[in-house]
Amino acid sequence: MSNQQEQYNIDFLVQQLRTSQDNAVLKQTAKHLGFLGANNPDVIAALIHVVRTTIDEPTRWVVIQSLSEIGTDNNDVIQTLIEQLNTARLPTRRIAAQNLAKIAVGNQYAITSLISLAQITEEEHTHQYVAYSLRLIGKANREAVNTLIDLIYKSSDEYIHNLCIDAFRNLGEWNKDIIDALIHIDKTTEFYTRFKMSRMLKERGYTSYSSFRSLLEKINQPE
């Protein structure tokens, strides 16, 4: 296919996205553009328009998937997915978080936007998906880690605590703030999360959970 023919096809598909009311057509068109439209701003804008305007959830899921195929590190795509973490129905939030983790690892704009979202909302499900996303895209980023620590204290949600444990597992040296947060989890969480912490501590070379907790308490004592 010539470049001219490919561009004609892309223009035709973009026009379909902007004008069609048929969800089957929208989904099929989005799938095609997920192969053809890499880094094309017109394609990205048209897909974002569908995400923000469609009332059909399965159509939104397909479009989000296509955006993740062509929008790596694109701030407009990242912002659109973060919007979905905060406003969409739960299945869509999950899909947005999964695809955000594919396209924004280490992206500072994504990390900063997620941190801001965590700070301005008290909604538990939003906190869950912020924690899920930061765990994967923030990794050793200091601000991301601090936000996860804040979420531990803000929430008693077991899922959030487990996500934070996963995030801390692969960090290098733990600072006092992380240690304090782990103590807080230990004192407030249920058996399953305590068991997960125990396994993590053993992975890091501590022979028993009780001995590590004693060490944490000792480190945390005021001088």
C-alpha atoms as a PDB file:
ATOM      1  CA  MET A   1       0.000   0.000   0.000  1.00  0.00           C
ATOM      2  CA  SER A   2       1.365   3.406  -0.970  1.00  0.00           C
ATOM      3  CA  ASN A   3       1.714   6.187   1.572  1.00  0.00           C
ATOM      4  CA  GLN A   4      -0.949   8.147  -0.274  1.00  0.00           C
ATOM      5  CA  GLN A   5      -3.399   5.226  -0.140  1.00  0.00           C
ATOM      6  CA  GLU A   6      -2.659   4.627   3.538  1.00  0.00           C
ATOM      7  CA  GLN A   7      -3.309   8.273   4.371  1.00  0.00           C
ATOM      8  CA  TYR A   8      -6.572   8.137   2.410  1.00  0.00           C
ATOM      9  CA  ASN A   9      -7.632   5.095   4.430  1.00  0.00           C
ATOM     10  CA  ILE A  10      -6.730   6.809   7.687  1.00  0.00           C
ATOM     11  CA  ASP A  11      -8.672   9.953   6.739  1.00  0.00           C
ATOM     12  CA  PHE A  12     -11.704   7.846   5.824  1.00  0.00           C
ATOM     13  CA  LEU A  13     -11.579   5.924   9.122  1.00  0.00           C
ATOM     14  CA  VAL A  14     -11.146   9.100  11.151  1.00  0.00           C
ATOM     15  CA  GLN A  15     -14.222  10.538   9.448  1.00  0.00           C
ATOM     16  CA  GLN A  16     -16.148   7.387  10.356  1.00  0.00           C
ATOM     17  CA  LEU A  17     -15.171   7.786  13.994  1.00  0.00           C
ATOM     18  CA  ARG A  18     -16.381  11.358  14.035  1.00  0.00           C
ATOM     19  CA  THR A  19     -19.714  10.768  12.291  1.00  0.00           C
ATOM     20  CA  SER A  20     -20.924   7.215  12.861  1.00  0.00           C
ATOM     21  CA  GLN A  21     -23.491   6.395  15.540  1.00  0.00           C
ATOM     22  CA  ASP A  22     -23.149   2.640  15.005  1.00  0.00           C
ATOM     23  CA  ASN A  23     -21.175   1.059  17.854  1.00  0.00           C
ATOM     24  CA  ALA A  24     -20.164  -1.930  15.741  1.00  0.00           C
ATOM     25  CA  VAL A  25     -18.699   0.424  13.135  1.00  0.00           C
ATOM     26  CA  LEU A  26     -16.949   2.482  15.796  1.00  0.00           C
ATOM     27  CA  LYS A  27     -15.332  -0.592  17.350  1.00  0.00           C
ATOM     28  CA  GLN A  28     -14.157  -1.991  14.024  1.00  0.00           C
ATOM     29  CA  THR A  29     -12.848   1.398  12.916  1.00  0.00           C
ATOM     30  CA  ALA A  30     -10.972   1.875  16.187  1.00  0.00           C
ATOM     31  CA  LYS A  31      -9.339  -1.533  15.797  1.00  0.00           C
ATOM     32  CA  HIS A  32      -8.112  -0.651  12.301  1.00  0.00           C
ATOM     33  CA  LEU A  33      -6.723   2.669  13.492  1.00  0.00           C
ATOM     34  CA  GLY A  34      -4.909   0.862  16.280  1.00  0.00           C
ATOM     35  CA  PHE A  35      -2.766  -0.650  13.507  1.00  0.00           C
ATOM     36  CA  LEU A  36      -2.544   2.310  11.137  1.00  0.00           C
ATOM     37  CA  GLY A  37      -2.514   5.456  13.243  1.00  0.00           C
ATOM     38  CA  ALA A  38       0.668   5.398  15.299  1.00  0.00           C
ATOM     39  CA  ASN A  39       1.572   8.934  16.449  1.00  0.00           C
ATOM     40  CA  ASN A  40      -0.999  10.433  14.089  1.00  0.00           C
ATOM     41  CA  PRO A  41      -2.529  13.404  15.944  1.00  0.00           C
ATOM     42  CA  ASP A  42      -5.787  13.295  13.958  1.00  0.00           C
ATOM     43  CA  VAL A  43      -6.285   9.626  14.786  1.00  0.00           C
ATOM     44  CA  ILE A  44      -5.489  10.167  18.440  1.00  0.00           C
ATOM     45  CA  ALA A  45      -7.860  13.133  18.675  1.00  0.00           C
ATOM     46  CA  ALA A  46     -10.688  11.179  17.018  1.00  0.00           C
ATOM     47  CA  LEU A  47     -10.230   8.185  19.337  1.00  0.00           C
ATOM     48  CA  ILE A  48     -10.129  10.443  22.388  1.00  0.00           C
ATOM     49  CA  HIS A  49     -13.362  12.069  21.211  1.00  0.00           C
ATOM     50  CA  VAL A  50     -15.068   8.667  21.167  1.00  0.00           C
ATOM     51  CA  VAL A  51     -13.769   7.751  24.636  1.00  0.00           C
ATOM     52  CA  ARG A  52     -15.174  10.963  26.048  1.00  0.00           C
ATOM     53  CA  THR A  53     -18.516  10.923  24.253  1.00  0.00           C
ATOM     54  CA  THR A  54     -19.720   7.361  23.746  1.00  0.00           C
ATOM     55  CA  ILE A  55     -22.239   5.954  26.208  1.00  0.00           C
ATOM     56  CA  ASP A  56     -21.503   2.384  25.136  1.00  0.00           C
ATOM     57  CA  GLU A  57     -18.984   0.833  27.514  1.00  0.00           C
ATOM     58  CA  PRO A  58     -17.705  -1.986  25.222  1.00  0.00           C
ATOM     59  CA  THR A  59     -17.038   0.609  22.512  1.00  0.00           C
ATOM     60  CA  ARG A  60     -15.066   2.690  25.011  1.00  0.00           C
ATOM     61  CA  TRP A  61     -12.992  -0.381  25.962  1.00  0.00           C
ATOM     62  CA  VAL A  62     -12.025  -1.088  22.343  1.00  0.00           C
ATOM     63  CA  VAL A  63     -11.097   2.550  21.740  1.00  0.00           C
ATOM     64  CA  ILE A  64      -8.970   2.661  24.897  1.00  0.00           C
ATOM     65  CA  GLN A  65      -7.141  -0.437  23.683  1.00  0.00           C
ATOM     66  CA  SER A  66      -6.457   1.199  20.315  1.00  0.00           C
ATOM     67  CA  LEU A  67      -5.182   4.347  22.022  1.00  0.00           C
ATOM     68  CA  SER A  68      -2.733   2.236  23.994  1.00  0.00           C
ATOM     69  CA  GLU A  69      -1.449   0.742  20.738  1.00  0.00           C
ATOM     70  CA  ILE A  70      -0.645   4.101  19.149  1.00  0.00           C
ATOM     71  CA  GLY A  71      -0.262   6.563  22.029  1.00  0.00           C
ATOM     72  CA  THR A  72       2.800   5.552  24.045  1.00  0.00           C
ATOM     73  CA  ASP A  73       4.043   8.559  26.061  1.00  0.00           C
ATOM     74  CA  ASN A  74       1.423  10.796  24.414  1.00  0.00           C
ATOM     75  CA  ASN A  75       0.243  13.224  27.072  1.00  0.00           C
ATOM     76  CA  ASP A  76      -3.228  13.663  25.557  1.00  0.00           C
ATOM     77  CA  VAL A  77      -3.780   9.901  25.646  1.00  0.00           C
ATOM     78  CA  ILE A  78      -2.376   9.674  29.166  1.00  0.00           C
ATOM     79  CA  GLN A  79      -4.670  12.452  30.379  1.00  0.00           C
ATOM     80  CA  THR A  80      -7.692  10.785  28.786  1.00  0.00           C
ATOM     81  CA  LEU A  81      -6.973   7.484  30.514  1.00  0.00           C
ATOM     82  CA  ILE A  82      -6.432   9.221  33.853  1.00  0.00           C
ATOM     83  CA  GLU A  83      -9.800  10.953  33.433  1.00  0.00           C
ATOM     84  CA  GLN A  84     -11.368   7.514  33.047  1.00  0.00           C
ATOM     85  CA  LEU A  85      -9.748   6.354  36.311  1.00  0.00           C
ATOM     86  CA  ASN A  86     -11.711   9.044  38.109  1.00  0.00           C
ATOM     87  CA  THR A  87     -15.044   9.234  36.292  1.00  0.00           C
ATOM     88  CA  ALA A  88     -15.868   6.002  34.477  1.00  0.00           C
ATOM     89  CA  ARG A  89     -17.669   2.882  35.625  1.00  0.00           C
ATOM     90  CA  LEU A  90     -15.467   0.350  37.409  1.00  0.00           C
ATOM     91  CA  PRO A  91     -14.815  -2.045  34.474  1.00  0.00           C
ATOM     92  CA  THR A  92     -13.682   0.908  32.358  1.00  0.00           C
ATOM     93  CA  ARG A  93     -11.464   2.210  35.155  1.00  0.00           C
ATOM     94  CA  ARG A  94      -9.750  -1.183  35.308  1.00  0.00           C
ATOM     95  CA  ILE A  95      -9.153  -1.251  31.541  1.00  0.00           C
ATOM     96  CA  ALA A  96      -7.883   2.341  31.576  1.00  0.00           C
ATOM     97  CA  ALA A  97      -5.449   1.527  34.389  1.00  0.00           C
ATOM     98  CA  GLN A  98      -4.152  -1.581  32.627  1.00  0.00           C
ATOM     99  CA  ASN A  99      -3.540   0.318  29.404  1.00  0.00           C
ATOM    100  CA  LEU A 100      -2.037   3.317  31.181  1.00  0.00           C
ATOM    101  CA  ALA A 101       0.540   0.950  32.671  1.00  0.00           C
ATOM    102  CA  LYS A 102       1.446  -0.155  29.132  1.00  0.00           C
ATOM    103  CA  ILE A 103       2.084   3.303  27.682  1.00  0.00           C
ATOM    104  CA  ALA A 104       3.340   5.476  30.552  1.00  0.00           C
ATOM    105  CA  VAL A 105       6.049   3.631  32.493  1.00  0.00           C
ATOM    106  CA  GLY A 106       8.373   6.290  33.885  1.00  0.00           C
ATOM    107  CA  ASN A 107       6.410   9.111  32.233  1.00  0.00           C
ATOM    108  CA  GLN A 108       6.662  12.120  34.533  1.00  0.00           C
ATOM    109  CA  TYR A 109       3.497  13.738  33.211  1.00  0.00           C
ATOM    110  CA  ALA A 110       1.515  10.584  34.051  1.00  0.00           C
ATOM    111  CA  ILE A 111       3.099  10.320  37.495  1.00  0.00           C
ATOM    112  CA  THR A 112       2.410  13.976  38.304  1.00  0.00           C
ATOM    113  CA  SER A 113      -1.184  13.745  37.052  1.00  0.00           C
ATOM    114  CA  LEU A 114      -1.872  10.627  39.133  1.00  0.00           C
ATOM    115  CA  ILE A 115      -0.389  12.257  42.224  1.00  0.00           C
ATOM    116  CA  SER A 116      -2.636  15.294  41.706  1.00  0.00           C
ATOM    117  CA  LEU A 117      -5.663  13.033  41.293  1.00  0.00           C
ATOM    118  CA  ALA A 118      -4.848  11.219  44.528  1.00  0.00           C
ATOM    119  CA  GLN A 119      -4.660  14.538  46.349  1.00  0.00           C
ATOM    120  CA  ILE A 120      -7.922  16.044  45.109  1.00  0.00           C
ATOM    121  CA  THR A 121     -10.260  13.069  45.491  1.00  0.00           C
ATOM    122  CA  GLU A 122     -11.406  11.067  48.495  1.00  0.00           C
ATOM    123  CA  GLU A 123     -13.200   8.458  46.386  1.00  0.00           C
ATOM    124  CA  GLU A 124     -11.979   4.973  47.327  1.00  0.00           C
ATOM    125  CA  HIS A 125     -12.150   3.392  43.889  1.00  0.00           C
ATOM    126  CA  THR A 126     -10.163   6.261  42.405  1.00  0.00           C
ATOM    127  CA  HIS A 127      -7.510   5.732  45.069  1.00  0.00           C
ATOM    128  CA  GLN A 128      -7.409   2.042  44.167  1.00  0.00           C
ATOM    129  CA  TYR A 129      -6.704   2.708  40.511  1.00  0.00           C
ATOM    130  CA  VAL A 130      -4.219   5.471  41.269  1.00  0.00           C
ATOM    131  CA  ALA A 131      -2.321   3.025  43.488  1.00  0.00           C
ATOM    132  CA  TYR A 132      -2.526   0.329  40.799  1.00  0.00           C
ATOM    133  CA  SER A 133      -1.138   2.690  38.162  1.00  0.00           C
ATOM    134  CA  LEU A 134       1.598   4.293  40.290  1.00  0.00           C
ATOM    135  CA  ARG A 135       2.803   0.868  41.370  1.00  0.00           C
ATOM    136  CA  LEU A 136       3.555   0.049  37.741  1.00  0.00           C
ATOM    137  CA  ILE A 137       4.568   3.349  36.162  1.00  0.00           C
ATOM    138  CA  GLY A 138       6.150   5.142  39.139  1.00  0.00           C
ATOM    139  CA  LYS A 139       8.401   2.376  40.436  1.00  0.00           C
ATOM    140  CA  ALA A 140      11.328   4.076  42.212  1.00  0.00           C
ATOM    141  CA  ASN A 141      10.035   7.611  41.650  1.00  0.00           C
ATOM    142  CA  ARG A 142      10.238   9.340  45.032  1.00  0.00           C
ATOM    143  CA  GLU A 143       7.032  11.370  44.592  1.00  0.00           C
ATOM    144  CA  ALA A 144       5.100   8.275  43.493  1.00  0.00           C
ATOM    145  CA  VAL A 145       6.349   6.326  46.509  1.00  0.00           C
ATOM    146  CA  ASN A 146       5.365   9.174  48.837  1.00  0.00           C
ATOM    147  CA  THR A 147       1.875   9.223  47.334  1.00  0.00           C
ATOM    148  CA  LEU A 148       1.505   5.487  47.926  1.00  0.00           C
ATOM    149  CA  ILE A 149       2.567   6.038  51.522  1.00  0.00           C
ATOM    150  CA  ASP A 150      -0.085   8.763  51.876  1.00  0.00           C
ATOM    151  CA  LEU A 151      -2.728   6.399  50.480  1.00  0.00           C
ATOM    152  CA  ILE A 152      -1.834   3.805  53.113  1.00  0.00           C
ATOM    153  CA  TYR A 153      -2.752   6.273  55.843  1.00  0.00           C
ATOM    154  CA  LYS A 154      -5.794   7.650  54.002  1.00  0.00           C
ATOM    155  CA  SER A 155      -7.376   4.278  53.374  1.00  0.00           C
ATOM    156  CA  SER A 156      -8.141   1.089  55.266  1.00  0.00           C
ATOM    157  CA  ASP A 157      -8.752  -0.687  51.961  1.00  0.00           C
ATOM    158  CA  GLU A 158      -6.953  -4.032  51.814  1.00  0.00           C
ATOM    159  CA  TYR A 159      -6.507  -3.850  48.045  1.00  0.00           C
ATOM    160  CA  ILE A 160      -4.674  -0.525  48.286  1.00  0.00           C
ATOM    161  CA  HIS A 161      -2.435  -1.857  51.045  1.00  0.00           C
ATOM    162  CA  ASN A 162      -1.587  -4.907  48.946  1.00  0.00           C
ATOM    163  CA  LEU A 163      -0.748  -2.743  45.942  1.00  0.00           C
ATOM    164  CA  CYS A 164       1.581  -0.658  48.104  1.00  0.00           C
ATOM    165  CA  ILE A 165       3.309  -3.766  49.415  1.00  0.00           C
ATOM    166  CA  ASP A 166       3.884  -4.838  45.809  1.00  0.00           C
ATOM    167  CA  ALA A 167       5.319  -1.414  45.012  1.00  0.00           C
ATOM    168  CA  PHE A 168       7.694  -1.477  47.978  1.00  0.00           C
ATOM    169  CA  ARG A 169       8.837  -5.034  47.279  1.00  0.00           C
ATOM    170  CA  ASN A 170      11.105  -4.041  44.395  1.00  0.00           C
ATOM    171  CA  LEU A 171      12.534  -0.864  45.884  1.00  0.00           C
ATOM    172  CA  GLY A 172      16.104  -0.720  47.068  1.00  0.00           C
ATOM    173  CA  GLU A 173      16.681   0.508  50.599  1.00  0.00           C
ATOM    174  CA  TRP A 174      13.569   1.393  52.601  1.00  0.00           C
ATOM    175  CA  ASN A 175      13.558   4.786  54.273  1.00  0.00           C
ATOM    176  CA  LYS A 176      11.888   5.612  57.589  1.00  0.00           C
ATOM    177  CA  ASP A 177       8.647   6.732  55.909  1.00  0.00           C
ATOM    178  CA  ILE A 178       8.238   3.357  54.216  1.00  0.00           C
ATOM    179  CA  ILE A 179       9.055   1.569  57.453  1.00  0.00           C
ATOM    180  CA  ASP A 180       6.466   3.622  59.334  1.00  0.00           C
ATOM    181  CA  ALA A 181       3.892   2.831  56.645  1.00  0.00           C
ATOM    182  CA  LEU A 182       4.635  -0.887  56.919  1.00  0.00           C
ATOM    183  CA  ILE A 183       4.177  -0.699  60.680  1.00  0.00           C
ATOM    184  CA  HIS A 184       0.836   1.018  60.102  1.00  0.00           C
ATOM    185  CA  ILE A 185      -0.256  -1.743  57.705  1.00  0.00           C
ATOM    186  CA  ASP A 186       0.847  -4.383  60.202  1.00  0.00           C
ATOM    187  CA  LYS A 187      -1.230  -2.815  62.964  1.00  0.00           C
ATOM    188  CA  THR A 188      -4.394  -2.225  60.946  1.00  0.00           C
ATOM    189  CA  THR A 189      -4.632  -4.875  58.245  1.00  0.00           C
ATOM    190  CA  GLU A 190      -6.206  -8.327  57.978  1.00  0.00           C
ATOM    191  CA  PHE A 191      -4.506 -11.728  57.959  1.00  0.00           C
ATOM    192  CA  TYR A 192      -4.015 -12.064  54.204  1.00  0.00           C
ATOM    193  CA  THR A 193      -2.140  -8.774  53.889  1.00  0.00           C
ATOM    194  CA  ARG A 194      -0.031  -9.557  56.954  1.00  0.00           C
ATOM    195  CA  PHE A 195       0.832 -12.908  55.375  1.00  0.00           C
ATOM    196  CA  LYS A 196       1.804 -11.157  52.137  1.00  0.00           C
ATOM    197  CA  MET A 197       4.043  -8.785  54.082  1.00  0.00           C
ATOM    198  CA  SER A 198       5.660 -11.760  55.789  1.00  0.00           C
ATOM    199  CA  ARG A 199       6.495 -13.335  52.444  1.00  0.00           C
ATOM    200  CA  MET A 200       7.898 -10.051  51.143  1.00  0.00           C
ATOM    201  CA  LEU A 201      10.131  -9.649  54.193  1.00  0.00           C
ATOM    202  CA  LYS A 202      11.494 -13.161  53.817  1.00  0.00           C
ATOM    203  CA  GLU A 203      12.214 -12.436  50.142  1.00  0.00           C
ATOM    204  CA  ARG A 204      14.340  -9.514  51.298  1.00  0.00           C
ATOM    205  CA  GLY A 205      16.385 -11.718  53.610  1.00  0.00           C
ATOM    206  CA  TYR A 206      14.600 -11.438  56.957  1.00  0.00           C
ATOM    207  CA  THR A 207      14.292 -14.827  58.612  1.00  0.00           C
ATOM    208  CA  SER A 208      11.043 -14.179  60.431  1.00  0.00           C
ATOM    209  CA  TYR A 209       8.245 -11.657  60.442  1.00  0.00           C
ATOM    210  CA  SER A 210       8.359 -11.160  64.210  1.00  0.00           C
ATOM    211  CA  SER A 211      12.072 -10.352  64.198  1.00  0.00           C
ATOM    212  CA  PHE A 212      11.581  -7.804  61.413  1.00  0.00           C
ATOM    213  CA  ARG A 213       8.722  -6.155  63.250  1.00  0.00           C
ATOM    214  CA  SER A 214      10.930  -5.820  66.311  1.00  0.00           C
ATOM    215  CA  LEU A 215      13.529  -4.158  64.119  1.00  0.00           C
ATOM    216  CA  LEU A 216      10.924  -1.782  62.687  1.00  0.00           C
ATOM    217  CA  GLU A 217       9.719  -0.811  66.139  1.00  0.00           C
ATOM    218  CA  LYS A 218      13.292  -0.212  67.296  1.00  0.00           C
ATOM    219  CA  ILE A 219      14.104   1.962  64.268  1.00  0.00           C
ATOM    220  CA  ASN A 220      10.895   3.920  64.796  1.00  0.00           C
ATOM    221  CA  GLN A 221      11.551   4.764  68.448  1.00  0.00           C
ATOM    222  CA  PRO A 222      12.351   8.465  69.028  1.00  0.00           C
ATOM    223  CA  GLU A 223      15.940   9.203  69.898  1.00  0.00           C
END
